[in-house]
Structure formats: structure tokens, C-alpha cells
């Protein structure tokens, strides 16, 4: 008798074990509403698709279990979630004004900032770059409370004078990062000249990465985001009506006409997410029922 009871309880407990085995951090990964901020590199100049680093980075993050929605006032790239806050040619002051307009609208919980490349185009020293970017970061914190900023140092450049300027700006950015650390700000600086970053061999021209260069950039950004996660910087995005998932897939329309296509894809993704959630809730309900029954009989056996 006890043998048959034991077998029954073991069978009922199987869903409990499966649920526990599948209870990984992936399901608890924080949703990321990302606003990529910058100029032509962030926009995607130099890549054959206009994707910049954004599509590859998005894929890496979604594979890790994060719901991702990239936000911004512009669109570029052959993928659905191609929103971006970047305009070719913008210097730090212009990037600041654009970010100030978009941050309170979208309320990102993660900003990827790459600014200062065009300030160096003259080849002259830009002594105010660090202070100006620090002020920009402060504005982002104020306009999107709780946001984390991951900022990149400036890429290598084939023009010697421009590259020298970028090296100096990067020194200023390192000082900004040190100050942010002292303030315990939600800020991470990633090195776009490190061992995993693009080199001049990965440039399409003198300053913009090619497709391979953008893949490397995506990996460096991912490392920075992992640092932010490990430090506990990232919290869920504000509930302002913006979907947590910006949609997947490859856009078939030109970048300038992606608005309706992206909206359609987002709707399809939302529908699929609801269906998946309903399916998972049904399985969870069955698992919970089975666990409860198993627990009941286990308790009963203890008194037999």
C-alpha cells in the first residue's frame, strides 16, 4: 500500500521538480527600455544595413531573457525595433538637446551614450568635452529618474589629428567615470579601444565602423550592460504605456517608412507574448495543483 502511495506522490511531484529546474534568472531578467544616444555611429553610418550595433546587441540581450524595446525619435536599420536617438553630424551640445527632448518622453531605464566624435572632426583639442558630457549625463538622470547610463569612449580614427583629439577626450571621459563612481551614480564607461573593440581595420572609412566593427561594438556594449546588471543599477522601466518589447524580425521596408511596419510588428509581438503568457500560466496552474496534491498526500503518509 505504501509503495503505491509513494509512486503516486512521486508522479505528482514531477511537475514540481520540473518547475524548480526551469526557474532560472532568465525569466526574472529586467526589461530594458534602451535609448541609444549619439550621432552617425549610433545611427548606423558605415554598416550595409544601417543597423549599427543595435540589432546585434538587441539579439544578445533577448537571448539572455530580457524584454527589449529600443526607443528614440528616429528610426534606422533593417529590423523592427530600430528606434534610435541619433543624428549624423551632431556634436555634444546638439546631442544634449535631442536627449533632453526625448528622455522625459520615453523614460528609458537604460541609455547607451556615444558622444564627442564630431567635436573632434576639426582635429583641435576639445577641452570641454568631459564637462559637457558630464552635464548631459546629469540631465539624463534628472529627466529619466532611475535610468542607468552606459557611455562609450570614442572609437579609433584613421586621421591622426582627429584621433589625437579622441584620445584626449577619452582621458576626460575616464575622469568623468571616476567622478560618477564617487557619487555612486548608475553609470558605466565602456572602452571602445579595448582588446575586444573595433580597430582602424574595422572602419568603413576614416571614422565609421563596417559591419564587423559594429559586431564588436555590440559585444562591448553588452559587457557594459552586464557590469550595470551585476552592480544592481538596472531597475524596471517606468509604466508609461510604452510596451516592454519592441518587437523582433527583419523590417522589409526602407528605414524612412518603417513606422507603420514597426507598429504592426510590435502588435504581433504583443499578441504572441500574451499567448505565451497564457500558455505558461496554464502550465503553472497545473504544476501548482500537482505540487499541492503531492504535498497533501505526503503529509497524510506521515501519519499512517
Protein backbone atom coordinates (compact mmCIF):
# COMPACT_ATOMS: atom_id res chain seq x y z
CA UNK A 1 0.00 0.00 0.00
CA UNK A 2 2.68 2.41 0.97
CA UNK A 3 4.55 1.55 -2.22
CA UNK A 4 1.62 2.56 -4.41
CA UNK A 5 1.08 5.75 -2.42
CA UNK A 6 4.78 6.56 -2.80
CA UNK A 7 4.63 6.05 -6.56
CA UNK A 8 1.57 8.29 -6.86
CA UNK A 9 3.17 11.06 -4.87
CA UNK A 10 6.38 10.83 -6.88
CA UNK A 11 4.39 11.14 -10.13
CA UNK A 12 2.50 14.17 -8.86
CA UNK A 13 5.74 15.76 -7.71
CA UNK A 14 7.37 15.59 -11.14
CA UNK A 15 5.92 18.95 -12.29
CA UNK A 16 7.24 20.50 -9.07
CA UNK A 17 10.77 19.31 -9.87
CA UNK A 18 10.50 20.47 -13.48
CA UNK A 19 9.26 23.89 -12.41
CA UNK A 20 12.13 24.25 -9.97
CA UNK A 21 14.66 23.20 -12.61
CA UNK A 22 13.30 25.77 -15.05
CA UNK A 23 13.21 28.61 -12.51
CA UNK A 24 16.29 30.39 -13.85
CA UNK A 25 17.31 34.04 -13.83
CA UNK A 26 16.27 34.26 -17.48
CA UNK A 27 12.60 34.56 -16.54
CA UNK A 28 13.43 37.25 -13.99
CA UNK A 29 15.64 39.34 -16.28
CA UNK A 30 14.84 43.03 -16.03
CA UNK A 31 13.09 44.55 -19.03
CA UNK A 32 15.28 47.04 -20.88
CA UNK A 33 13.89 50.18 -22.47
CA UNK A 34 17.02 51.33 -24.24
CA UNK A 35 17.59 54.76 -25.73
CA UNK A 36 20.71 54.68 -27.94
CA UNK A 37 22.01 58.26 -27.98
CA UNK A 38 24.67 59.65 -30.28
CA UNK A 39 25.43 60.68 -33.83
CA UNK A 40 26.28 58.86 -37.07
CA UNK A 41 27.86 55.78 -35.49
CA UNK A 42 24.84 55.18 -33.27
CA UNK A 43 22.60 55.83 -36.28
CA UNK A 44 24.45 53.20 -38.34
CA UNK A 45 26.53 55.02 -40.94
CA UNK A 46 29.12 52.63 -42.39
CA UNK A 47 27.06 49.47 -41.96
CA UNK A 48 25.44 47.89 -45.01
CA UNK A 49 22.08 47.71 -43.24
CA UNK A 50 22.01 50.82 -41.08
CA UNK A 51 21.66 48.53 -38.06
CA UNK A 52 24.72 49.96 -36.28
CA UNK A 53 25.49 47.87 -33.19
CA UNK A 54 21.83 47.96 -32.17
CA UNK A 55 20.41 44.84 -33.83
CA UNK A 56 23.23 42.54 -32.70
CA UNK A 57 23.10 43.95 -29.17
CA UNK A 58 19.34 43.52 -29.04
CA UNK A 59 19.70 39.89 -30.09
CA UNK A 60 22.26 39.23 -27.37
CA UNK A 61 20.03 40.77 -24.71
CA UNK A 62 16.86 38.97 -25.77
CA UNK A 63 18.72 35.66 -25.84
CA UNK A 64 19.68 36.37 -22.23
CA UNK A 65 15.99 36.65 -21.38
CA UNK A 66 15.48 40.41 -21.38
CA UNK A 67 12.44 42.03 -22.94
CA UNK A 68 13.92 44.86 -25.01
CA UNK A 69 12.37 47.97 -26.50
CA UNK A 70 14.71 50.45 -28.15
CA UNK A 71 13.32 53.98 -28.11
CA UNK A 72 14.13 57.30 -29.74
CA UNK A 73 12.74 59.91 -32.10
CA UNK A 74 14.32 58.39 -35.25
CA UNK A 75 14.41 55.01 -36.97
CA UNK A 76 17.18 53.33 -38.92
CA UNK A 77 18.11 49.76 -39.73
CA UNK A 78 16.57 46.66 -41.25
CA UNK A 79 14.99 45.31 -38.10
CA UNK A 80 11.71 46.04 -36.40
CA UNK A 81 12.88 47.60 -33.14
CA UNK A 82 15.08 50.19 -34.85
CA UNK A 83 14.25 53.32 -32.84
CA UNK A 84 17.25 55.48 -32.06
CA UNK A 85 18.09 58.93 -30.73
CA UNK A 86 20.92 59.85 -33.08
CA UNK A 87 21.57 62.30 -35.90
CA UNK A 88 24.62 62.26 -38.15
CA UNK A 89 26.98 65.15 -37.57
CA UNK A 90 25.70 66.09 -34.12
CA UNK A 91 28.22 67.38 -31.58
CA UNK A 92 27.79 67.05 -27.81
CA UNK A 93 25.69 70.20 -27.47
CA UNK A 94 23.24 69.04 -30.15
CA UNK A 95 23.10 65.53 -28.75
CA UNK A 96 22.29 67.04 -25.36
CA UNK A 97 19.34 69.00 -26.72
CA UNK A 98 17.98 65.95 -28.54
CA UNK A 99 18.35 63.75 -25.46
CA UNK A 100 16.70 66.36 -23.25
CA UNK A 101 13.66 66.31 -25.53
CA UNK A 102 13.40 62.52 -25.75
CA UNK A 103 14.33 61.30 -22.26
CA UNK A 104 11.16 62.53 -20.49
CA UNK A 105 9.02 61.28 -23.36
CA UNK A 106 10.35 57.72 -23.43
CA UNK A 107 11.66 57.37 -19.84
CA UNK A 108 14.35 54.80 -20.71
CA UNK A 109 15.81 52.77 -17.88
CA UNK A 110 19.00 52.34 -19.92
CA UNK A 111 20.76 54.94 -22.05
CA UNK A 112 23.65 53.97 -24.34
CA UNK A 113 25.62 57.16 -24.90
CA UNK A 114 28.27 57.78 -27.51
CA UNK A 115 29.07 61.47 -27.94
CA UNK A 116 32.03 63.62 -28.88
CA UNK A 117 33.20 62.07 -32.13
CA UNK A 118 32.11 65.03 -34.24
CA UNK A 119 33.54 67.51 -31.75
CA UNK A 120 36.93 66.15 -32.79
CA UNK A 121 36.40 66.49 -36.54
CA UNK A 122 38.37 69.73 -36.68
CA UNK A 123 41.37 67.93 -35.21
CA UNK A 124 41.64 70.51 -32.44
CA UNK A 125 41.65 69.76 -28.73
CA UNK A 126 38.21 69.83 -27.12
CA UNK A 127 38.97 70.64 -23.50
CA UNK A 128 35.31 70.93 -22.50
CA UNK A 129 34.16 67.52 -23.75
CA UNK A 130 34.30 65.85 -20.35
CA UNK A 131 32.44 68.63 -18.57
CA UNK A 132 29.81 68.82 -21.30
CA UNK A 133 29.20 65.08 -21.32
CA UNK A 134 29.06 65.03 -17.52
CA UNK A 135 26.34 67.68 -17.68
CA UNK A 136 24.50 65.62 -20.30
CA UNK A 137 24.59 62.54 -18.09
CA UNK A 138 23.25 64.60 -15.20
CA UNK A 139 20.36 65.78 -17.34
CA UNK A 140 19.56 62.21 -18.35
CA UNK A 141 19.45 61.17 -14.69
CA UNK A 142 17.13 64.08 -13.90
CA UNK A 143 14.80 63.63 -16.88
CA UNK A 144 14.51 59.84 -16.65
CA UNK A 145 14.66 59.04 -12.92
CA UNK A 146 16.21 55.68 -12.14
CA UNK A 147 17.92 55.42 -15.51
CA UNK A 148 21.34 53.86 -15.94
CA UNK A 149 23.79 55.39 -18.40
CA UNK A 150 26.36 53.23 -20.15
CA UNK A 151 28.74 55.51 -22.03
CA UNK A 152 31.38 54.58 -24.58
CA UNK A 153 34.79 56.08 -25.12
CA UNK A 154 35.47 57.31 -28.64
CA UNK A 155 36.48 54.89 -31.38
CA UNK A 156 39.82 54.91 -33.14
CA UNK A 157 40.11 57.22 -36.14
CA UNK A 158 42.39 56.97 -39.19
CA UNK A 159 43.05 60.72 -39.31
CA UNK A 160 45.95 61.38 -36.93
CA UNK A 161 44.83 64.80 -35.67
CA UNK A 162 41.27 63.65 -35.10
CA UNK A 163 42.47 60.52 -33.34
CA UNK A 164 44.71 62.55 -31.04
CA UNK A 165 41.68 64.62 -30.09
CA UNK A 166 39.69 61.47 -29.38
CA UNK A 167 42.45 60.08 -27.16
CA UNK A 168 42.38 63.31 -25.13
CA UNK A 169 38.58 63.24 -24.91
CA UNK A 170 38.74 59.65 -23.70
CA UNK A 171 41.04 60.74 -20.87
CA UNK A 172 38.41 63.28 -19.90
CA UNK A 173 35.73 60.60 -20.01
CA UNK A 174 37.77 58.40 -17.67
CA UNK A 175 37.78 61.30 -15.20
CA UNK A 176 34.01 61.62 -15.61
CA UNK A 177 33.64 57.90 -14.83
CA UNK A 178 35.76 58.28 -11.69
CA UNK A 179 33.60 61.18 -10.51
CA UNK A 180 30.42 59.23 -11.22
CA UNK A 181 31.76 56.30 -9.19
CA UNK A 182 32.41 58.60 -6.23
CA UNK A 183 28.82 59.82 -6.49
CA UNK A 184 27.62 56.19 -6.68
CA UNK A 185 25.77 57.10 -9.86
CA UNK A 186 24.24 54.48 -12.12
CA UNK A 187 26.96 54.91 -14.68
CA UNK A 188 29.30 52.58 -16.55
CA UNK A 189 32.05 53.58 -19.00
CA UNK A 190 32.93 51.04 -21.70
CA UNK A 191 36.21 51.13 -23.58
CA UNK A 192 35.76 51.24 -27.34
CA UNK A 193 39.53 50.99 -27.71
CA UNK A 194 39.94 47.89 -25.60
CA UNK A 195 41.04 44.44 -26.82
CA UNK A 196 37.52 43.49 -27.94
CA UNK A 197 36.70 46.83 -29.56
CA UNK A 198 36.90 47.85 -33.24
CA UNK A 199 40.28 48.90 -34.61
CA UNK A 200 41.04 51.03 -37.65
CA UNK A 201 40.91 47.77 -39.65
CA UNK A 202 37.21 47.61 -38.76
CA UNK A 203 36.35 51.03 -40.21
CA UNK A 204 34.37 51.56 -43.39
CA UNK A 205 36.01 54.94 -43.96
CA UNK A 206 38.16 57.03 -41.63
CA UNK A 207 35.73 57.08 -38.69
CA UNK A 208 32.65 54.83 -39.11
CA UNK A 209 32.75 51.08 -38.37
CA UNK A 210 31.97 48.50 -41.02
CA UNK A 211 29.66 45.57 -40.28
CA UNK A 212 32.40 43.66 -38.46
CA UNK A 213 33.22 46.74 -36.41
CA UNK A 214 29.61 47.14 -35.34
CA UNK A 215 29.50 43.50 -34.23
CA UNK A 216 32.48 44.23 -31.99
CA UNK A 217 30.78 47.35 -30.66
CA UNK A 218 27.70 45.31 -29.76
CA UNK A 219 29.87 42.94 -27.73
CA UNK A 220 31.49 45.82 -25.82
CA UNK A 221 28.11 47.40 -25.08
CA UNK A 222 26.87 44.02 -23.85
CA UNK A 223 29.81 43.78 -21.45
CA UNK A 224 28.96 47.22 -20.08
CA UNK A 225 25.32 46.29 -19.57
CA UNK A 226 26.40 43.13 -17.75
CA UNK A 227 28.50 45.30 -15.44
CA UNK A 228 25.49 47.50 -14.76
CA UNK A 229 23.35 44.45 -14.01
CA UNK A 230 25.99 42.97 -11.72
CA UNK A 231 26.13 46.24 -9.77
CA UNK A 232 22.36 46.27 -9.36
CA UNK A 233 21.98 49.52 -11.30
CA UNK A 234 19.11 48.48 -13.55
CA UNK A 235 15.51 48.64 -12.39
CA UNK A 236 12.33 48.04 -14.43
CA UNK A 237 11.28 50.85 -16.78
CA UNK A 238 8.53 53.28 -15.81
CA UNK A 239 4.98 52.25 -16.63
CA UNK A 240 4.16 54.99 -19.14
CA UNK A 241 2.27 52.95 -21.72
CA UNK A 242 5.32 52.02 -23.80
CA UNK A 243 5.46 48.24 -24.44
CA UNK A 244 8.23 46.31 -22.75
CA UNK A 245 9.02 44.51 -26.02
CA UNK A 246 9.73 46.49 -29.16
CA UNK A 247 9.24 43.51 -31.49
CA UNK A 248 11.57 41.19 -33.35
CA UNK A 249 12.04 40.35 -37.00
CA UNK A 250 13.57 41.92 -40.07
CA UNK A 251 11.97 45.05 -41.47
CA UNK A 252 11.35 44.81 -45.21
CA UNK A 253 10.50 48.47 -45.71
CA UNK A 254 13.04 51.30 -46.08
CA UNK A 255 14.17 52.92 -42.84
CA UNK A 256 12.23 56.11 -43.58
CA UNK A 257 8.96 54.18 -43.90
CA UNK A 258 9.30 51.74 -41.04
CA UNK A 259 6.87 53.44 -38.64
CA UNK A 260 3.72 51.54 -39.67
CA UNK A 261 5.64 48.30 -40.17
CA UNK A 262 7.23 48.57 -36.74
CA UNK A 263 3.85 49.30 -35.17
CA UNK A 264 2.37 46.22 -36.86
CA UNK A 265 5.27 44.05 -35.77
CA UNK A 266 5.01 45.37 -32.21
CA UNK A 267 1.32 44.44 -32.17
CA UNK A 268 2.08 40.95 -33.42
CA UNK A 269 4.81 40.56 -30.82
CA UNK A 270 2.46 41.73 -28.08
CA UNK A 271 -0.18 39.21 -29.26
CA UNK A 272 2.41 36.43 -29.25
CA UNK A 273 3.60 37.48 -25.79
CA UNK A 274 0.05 37.30 -24.44
CA UNK A 275 -0.45 33.84 -25.97
CA UNK A 276 2.83 32.65 -24.47
CA UNK A 277 1.95 34.09 -21.08
CA UNK A 278 -1.45 32.37 -21.15
CA UNK A 279 0.18 29.08 -22.08
CA UNK A 280 2.74 29.42 -19.31
CA UNK A 281 0.07 30.39 -16.78
CA UNK A 282 -1.87 27.22 -17.63
CA UNK A 283 1.20 25.09 -17.11
CA UNK A 284 1.97 26.94 -13.91
CA UNK A 285 -1.56 26.33 -12.64
CA UNK A 286 -1.30 22.60 -13.33
CA UNK A 287 2.13 22.48 -11.72
CA UNK A 288 0.85 24.29 -8.67
CA UNK A 289 -2.13 21.91 -8.38
CA UNK A 290 0.09 18.85 -8.69
CA UNK A 291 2.51 20.18 -6.10
CA UNK A 292 -0.35 20.88 -3.68
CA UNK A 293 -1.79 17.37 -4.09
CA UNK A 294 1.64 15.80 -3.65
CA UNK A 295 2.24 17.84 -0.51
CA UNK A 296 -1.17 16.82 0.89
CA UNK A 297 -0.59 13.09 0.42
CA UNK A 298 2.96 13.36 1.70
CA UNK A 299 1.59 14.90 4.87
CA UNK A 300 -1.07 12.21 5.14
CA UNK A 301 1.53 9.46 4.79
CA UNK A 302 3.49 10.90 7.65
CA UNK A 303 0.63 9.98 9.98
CA UNK A 304 -0.02 6.49 8.55
